[in-house]
Amino acid sequence: MRTSSNPAFRNLPSSGGYASFQHGGQAAGYDPYPSAPPTAERPITVDDVVMKTAASLAVVIVAGVLTAMSGGAMYALALPAALVGIGIAIFMCFRPKPSAALTLIYSAAQGVVLGALTGLFESIPQLKGIGVQALIGTAAVFLGMLIVYKTGAIRVTPRLTKMIVAGVIGAGVLMLANLLVGFFVPGGLGIRQGWMGIGIGLLFIVIAAFTLLLEFDQADEMVRAGYPAKWAWFTAFGLVASLVWLYVEILRLLALLREE
């Protein structure tokens, strides 16, 4: 299976010697997808992925709305929730496993973080309504990329995968550097402010949007390979992680555009 930009999809279990699958746009000589691990469980279906992802996103939204509407009472939970989310993400990166509990806890933690962040933005008079706009924007990008993937307008090839992975790594390094410098210099590197911030925000949104193509492809190949149904929770985890990043970037971009 292809390496994903999302840690949730790396190091999936595989077993050699099984039939491989070819997907549209796959380059000649590219490593074939591994078949599913031997199992007597019901194989995963598209409906499994859709239902588990929908359930996870529902948890994110409910936790986010409750946090945002708490009037600041729950904002203090944002930091511990962020640490919980990071911890689960790291665990899933190095020990990938399908877990409903971990996926839902991660979704709830991310919901609290997004709710607090959205609430803080909404507390600024000129940013009223920005949360709904960011949510609509995220949904629009998600649907757009799903259509692009399903129609084959953009094919997920090894070259595209490497480019997106490089973009994600670069974005991560840049954000980390900006955060570290921010501890000593107000505003950090200044890359998240003004017109430069708008440009960087647009770039990050594009990268986040393209990671969705990789996640769709990973989920599709998991279905084709006949992974056990419980792995739908794993694909849901990866999709939630990508959508959370996309929402945050759209939220930040909208805030910067309103300030200009």
Protein backbone atom coordinates (compact mmCIF):
# COMPACT_ATOMS: atom_id res chain seq x y z
CA MET A 1 0.00 0.00 0.00
CA ARG A 2 1.23 3.48 -0.80
CA THR A 3 2.85 5.54 1.87
CA SER A 4 0.44 8.25 3.01
CA SER A 5 1.22 11.77 4.10
CA ASN A 6 -0.88 11.03 7.15
CA PRO A 7 0.88 9.03 9.89
CA ALA A 8 -2.36 7.11 10.42
CA PHE A 9 -1.86 5.24 7.15
CA ARG A 10 1.80 4.32 7.43
CA ASN A 11 3.14 0.90 8.32
CA LEU A 12 -0.10 -0.93 7.66
CA PRO A 13 0.16 -4.66 8.21
CA SER A 14 0.77 -6.73 5.14
CA SER A 15 1.69 -10.23 4.19
CA GLY A 16 3.74 -11.19 1.16
CA GLY A 17 2.92 -13.68 -1.52
CA TYR A 18 -0.64 -12.56 -2.14
CA ALA A 19 -2.25 -11.16 -5.27
CA SER A 20 -1.68 -7.49 -5.94
CA PHE A 21 -4.03 -4.81 -7.21
CA GLN A 22 -3.57 -2.19 -9.89
CA HIS A 23 -5.22 1.20 -9.62
CA GLY A 24 -5.78 3.78 -12.34
CA GLY A 25 -2.73 5.93 -12.88
CA GLN A 26 -0.29 3.57 -11.16
CA ALA A 27 3.16 3.88 -12.64
CA ALA A 28 4.81 0.90 -14.25
CA GLY A 29 7.19 -0.91 -11.92
CA TYR A 30 5.62 0.60 -8.79
CA ASP A 31 5.38 -1.74 -5.82
CA PRO A 32 2.00 -3.52 -5.84
CA TYR A 33 -0.45 -3.14 -3.00
CA PRO A 34 -0.28 -5.92 -0.44
CA SER A 35 -3.29 -8.11 0.08
CA ALA A 36 -5.15 -8.17 3.36
CA PRO A 37 -3.72 -10.06 6.34
CA PRO A 38 -5.27 -13.55 6.66
CA THR A 39 -8.49 -13.24 8.64
CA ALA A 40 -11.87 -14.87 9.11
CA GLU A 41 -13.53 -11.51 9.83
CA ARG A 42 -15.93 -9.77 7.49
CA PRO A 43 -13.98 -7.66 4.97
CA ILE A 44 -14.19 -3.88 5.05
CA THR A 45 -16.65 -2.12 2.75
CA VAL A 46 -17.07 1.46 1.59
CA ASP A 47 -20.13 1.71 3.84
CA ASP A 48 -17.95 0.80 6.83
CA VAL A 49 -15.54 3.61 6.02
CA VAL A 50 -18.35 6.11 5.48
CA MET A 51 -20.19 5.22 8.69
CA LYS A 52 -17.10 5.17 10.92
CA THR A 53 -15.82 8.44 9.45
CA ALA A 54 -19.24 10.07 9.86
CA ALA A 55 -19.41 8.92 13.49
CA SER A 56 -15.93 10.29 14.20
CA LEU A 57 -16.70 13.64 12.57
CA ALA A 58 -19.96 13.84 14.53
CA VAL A 59 -17.93 13.52 17.74
CA VAL A 60 -15.57 16.28 16.56
CA ILE A 61 -18.49 18.60 15.79
CA VAL A 62 -20.39 17.92 19.03
CA ALA A 63 -17.28 18.38 21.18
CA GLY A 64 -16.37 21.51 19.23
CA VAL A 65 -19.81 23.10 19.49
CA LEU A 66 -20.08 22.37 23.22
CA THR A 67 -16.64 23.85 23.83
CA ALA A 68 -17.27 26.95 21.72
CA MET A 69 -20.64 27.56 23.38
CA SER A 70 -19.26 27.15 26.90
CA GLY A 71 -18.33 30.83 26.98
CA GLY A 72 -14.73 30.04 27.82
CA ALA A 73 -15.51 27.60 30.63
CA MET A 74 -14.07 24.68 28.67
CA TYR A 75 -11.24 26.53 26.95
CA ALA A 76 -8.79 25.39 29.63
CA LEU A 77 -9.29 21.85 28.37
CA ALA A 78 -7.82 22.74 24.99
CA LEU A 79 -4.18 22.24 26.00
CA PRO A 80 -4.62 18.82 27.64
CA ALA A 81 -6.91 17.81 24.75
CA ALA A 82 -4.20 18.83 22.27
CA LEU A 83 -1.63 16.74 24.15
CA VAL A 84 -3.99 13.76 24.15
CA GLY A 85 -4.50 14.17 20.41
CA ILE A 86 -0.77 14.39 19.75
CA GLY A 87 -0.14 11.34 21.91
CA ILE A 88 -2.72 9.24 20.10
CA ALA A 89 -1.43 10.41 16.70
CA ILE A 90 2.14 9.42 17.60
CA PHE A 91 0.95 6.06 18.91
CA MET A 92 -1.03 5.40 15.72
CA CYS A 93 1.99 6.40 13.66
CA PHE A 94 4.31 3.85 15.21
CA ARG A 95 1.76 1.24 16.27
CA PRO A 96 -1.02 1.40 13.66
CA LYS A 97 -4.11 -0.44 14.82
CA PRO A 98 -7.86 -0.20 14.24
CA SER A 99 -9.40 1.08 17.46
CA ALA A 100 -12.84 2.60 17.86
CA ALA A 101 -11.92 3.88 21.32
CA LEU A 102 -8.72 5.65 20.23
CA THR A 103 -10.37 7.11 17.13
CA LEU A 104 -13.32 8.50 19.09
CA ILE A 105 -11.13 9.83 21.91
CA TYR A 106 -8.91 11.50 19.34
CA SER A 107 -11.99 12.98 17.64
CA ALA A 108 -13.33 14.31 20.93
CA ALA A 109 -9.96 15.82 21.84
CA GLN A 110 -9.64 17.51 18.46
CA GLY A 111 -13.19 18.79 18.80
CA VAL A 112 -12.32 20.48 22.09
CA VAL A 113 -9.25 22.09 20.54
CA LEU A 114 -11.15 23.30 17.48
CA GLY A 115 -14.03 24.52 19.64
CA ALA A 116 -11.74 26.58 21.85
CA LEU A 117 -9.88 27.99 18.86
CA THR A 118 -13.11 28.84 17.06
CA GLY A 119 -14.56 30.37 20.21
CA LEU A 120 -11.57 32.64 20.60
CA PHE A 121 -11.87 33.82 17.01
CA GLU A 122 -15.63 34.31 17.35
CA SER A 123 -15.10 36.47 20.47
CA ILE A 124 -13.53 39.14 18.24
CA PRO A 125 -16.37 41.32 16.85
CA GLN A 126 -15.05 41.47 13.27
CA LEU A 127 -14.68 37.69 13.16
CA LYS A 128 -18.26 36.78 14.08
CA GLY A 129 -19.56 33.86 12.04
CA ILE A 130 -16.10 32.73 10.98
CA GLY A 131 -16.59 29.26 12.45
CA VAL A 132 -19.56 28.44 10.23
CA GLN A 133 -17.74 29.79 7.20
CA ALA A 134 -14.68 27.64 7.96
CA LEU A 135 -16.90 24.58 8.42
CA ILE A 136 -18.64 25.18 5.09
CA GLY A 137 -15.30 25.76 3.39
CA THR A 138 -13.89 22.52 4.81
CA ALA A 139 -16.93 20.55 3.67
CA ALA A 140 -16.71 22.11 0.20
CA VAL A 141 -13.03 21.20 -0.17
CA PHE A 142 -13.70 17.67 1.06
CA LEU A 143 -16.51 17.11 -1.44
CA GLY A 144 -14.50 18.72 -4.22
CA MET A 145 -11.49 16.47 -3.65
CA LEU A 146 -13.74 13.42 -3.39
CA ILE A 147 -15.24 14.25 -6.79
CA VAL A 148 -11.77 14.86 -8.22
CA TYR A 149 -10.64 11.47 -6.93
CA LYS A 150 -13.69 9.52 -8.04
CA THR A 151 -13.69 11.01 -11.55
CA GLY A 152 -9.97 10.40 -11.96
CA ALA A 153 -9.34 14.07 -12.77
CA ILE A 154 -6.21 13.79 -10.65
CA ARG A 155 -4.66 10.36 -10.33
CA VAL A 156 -2.77 9.31 -7.25
CA THR A 157 0.59 8.23 -8.65
CA PRO A 158 3.84 7.48 -6.81
CA ARG A 159 5.25 10.81 -7.99
CA LEU A 160 2.24 12.76 -6.72
CA THR A 161 2.39 10.89 -3.44
CA LYS A 162 6.06 11.81 -2.94
CA MET A 163 5.34 15.46 -3.75
CA ILE A 164 2.48 15.65 -1.25
CA VAL A 165 4.48 13.89 1.45
CA ALA A 166 7.34 16.34 0.88
CA GLY A 167 4.87 19.22 1.11
CA VAL A 168 3.45 17.94 4.39
CA ILE A 169 6.92 17.49 5.88
CA GLY A 170 7.93 20.97 4.73
CA ALA A 171 4.77 22.49 6.20
CA GLY A 172 5.37 20.69 9.49
CA VAL A 173 8.97 21.87 9.74
CA LEU A 174 7.95 25.43 8.91
CA MET A 175 5.17 25.48 11.52
CA LEU A 176 7.45 23.98 14.16
CA ALA A 177 10.19 26.54 13.42
CA ASN A 178 7.65 29.36 13.60
CA LEU A 179 6.36 28.06 16.93
CA LEU A 180 9.83 27.76 18.46
CA VAL A 181 10.90 31.21 17.29
CA GLY A 182 7.60 32.57 18.65
CA PHE A 183 8.74 31.74 22.17
CA PHE A 184 11.49 34.34 21.84
CA VAL A 185 10.24 36.74 19.15
CA PRO A 186 6.65 38.06 19.07
CA GLY A 187 4.96 36.80 15.91
CA GLY A 188 7.58 34.14 15.32
CA LEU A 189 8.96 34.21 11.80
CA GLY A 190 6.11 36.42 10.66
CA ILE A 191 4.98 33.84 8.12
CA ARG A 192 1.47 33.63 9.55
CA GLN A 193 0.71 37.32 9.43
CA GLY A 194 -0.32 39.80 6.75
CA TRP A 195 -0.09 38.98 3.07
CA MET A 196 2.65 36.43 3.68
CA GLY A 197 0.34 34.67 6.11
CA ILE A 198 -2.38 34.63 3.48
CA GLY A 199 -0.02 33.11 0.92
CA ILE A 200 1.26 30.48 3.36
CA GLY A 201 -2.31 29.74 4.42
CA LEU A 202 -3.40 29.14 0.82
CA LEU A 203 -0.40 26.87 0.27
CA PHE A 204 -1.18 24.83 3.39
CA ILE A 205 -4.83 24.52 2.38
CA VAL A 206 -3.78 23.15 -1.01
CA ILE A 207 -1.44 20.63 0.63
CA ALA A 208 -4.09 19.58 3.15
CA ALA A 209 -6.63 19.20 0.35
CA PHE A 210 -4.28 16.98 -1.65
CA THR A 211 -3.63 14.76 1.36
CA LEU A 212 -7.32 13.89 1.17
CA LEU A 213 -6.64 12.30 -2.21
CA LEU A 214 -4.08 10.05 -0.58
CA GLU A 215 -6.49 9.15 2.20
CA PHE A 216 -9.25 8.31 -0.28
CA ASP A 217 -6.82 6.15 -2.21
CA GLN A 218 -5.60 4.38 0.91
CA ALA A 219 -9.17 3.64 2.00
CA ASP A 220 -10.08 2.46 -1.49
CA GLU A 221 -7.14 0.08 -1.69
CA MET A 222 -7.87 -1.21 1.82
CA VAL A 223 -11.36 -2.13 0.62
CA ARG A 224 -9.95 -3.73 -2.54
CA ALA A 225 -7.45 -5.75 -0.52
CA GLY A 226 -10.14 -7.06 1.80
CA TYR A 227 -8.90 -5.79 5.14
CA PRO A 228 -11.09 -6.71 8.14
CA ALA A 229 -14.07 -4.41 8.74
CA LYS A 230 -12.55 -3.06 11.96
CA TRP A 231 -9.90 -1.24 9.92
CA ALA A 232 -12.59 1.26 8.94
CA TRP A 233 -11.84 2.97 12.26
CA PHE A 234 -8.25 3.37 11.15
CA THR A 235 -9.22 5.04 7.89
CA ALA A 236 -11.64 7.25 9.82
CA PHE A 237 -8.78 8.35 12.07
CA GLY A 238 -6.67 9.40 9.10
CA LEU A 239 -9.49 11.31 7.43
CA VAL A 240 -10.35 13.15 10.64
CA ALA A 241 -6.71 14.16 11.10
CA SER A 242 -6.57 15.61 7.59
CA LEU A 243 -9.91 17.43 7.92
CA VAL A 244 -8.90 18.96 11.25
CA TRP A 245 -5.77 20.43 9.68
CA LEU A 246 -7.81 21.69 6.72
CA TYR A 247 -10.36 23.38 9.01
CA VAL A 248 -7.67 25.11 11.06
CA GLU A 249 -5.96 26.47 7.96
CA ILE A 250 -9.23 27.73 6.47
CA LEU A 251 -10.15 29.34 9.79
CA ARG A 252 -6.80 31.15 9.96
CA LEU A 253 -7.03 32.26 6.34
CA LEU A 254 -10.53 33.70 6.81
CA ALA A 255 -9.35 35.60 9.89
CA LEU A 256 -6.43 37.11 7.98
CA LEU A 257 -8.64 38.08 5.04
CA ARG A 258 -11.06 39.89 7.35
CA GLU A 259 -8.22 41.82 8.93
CA GLU A 260 -6.91 43.09 5.59
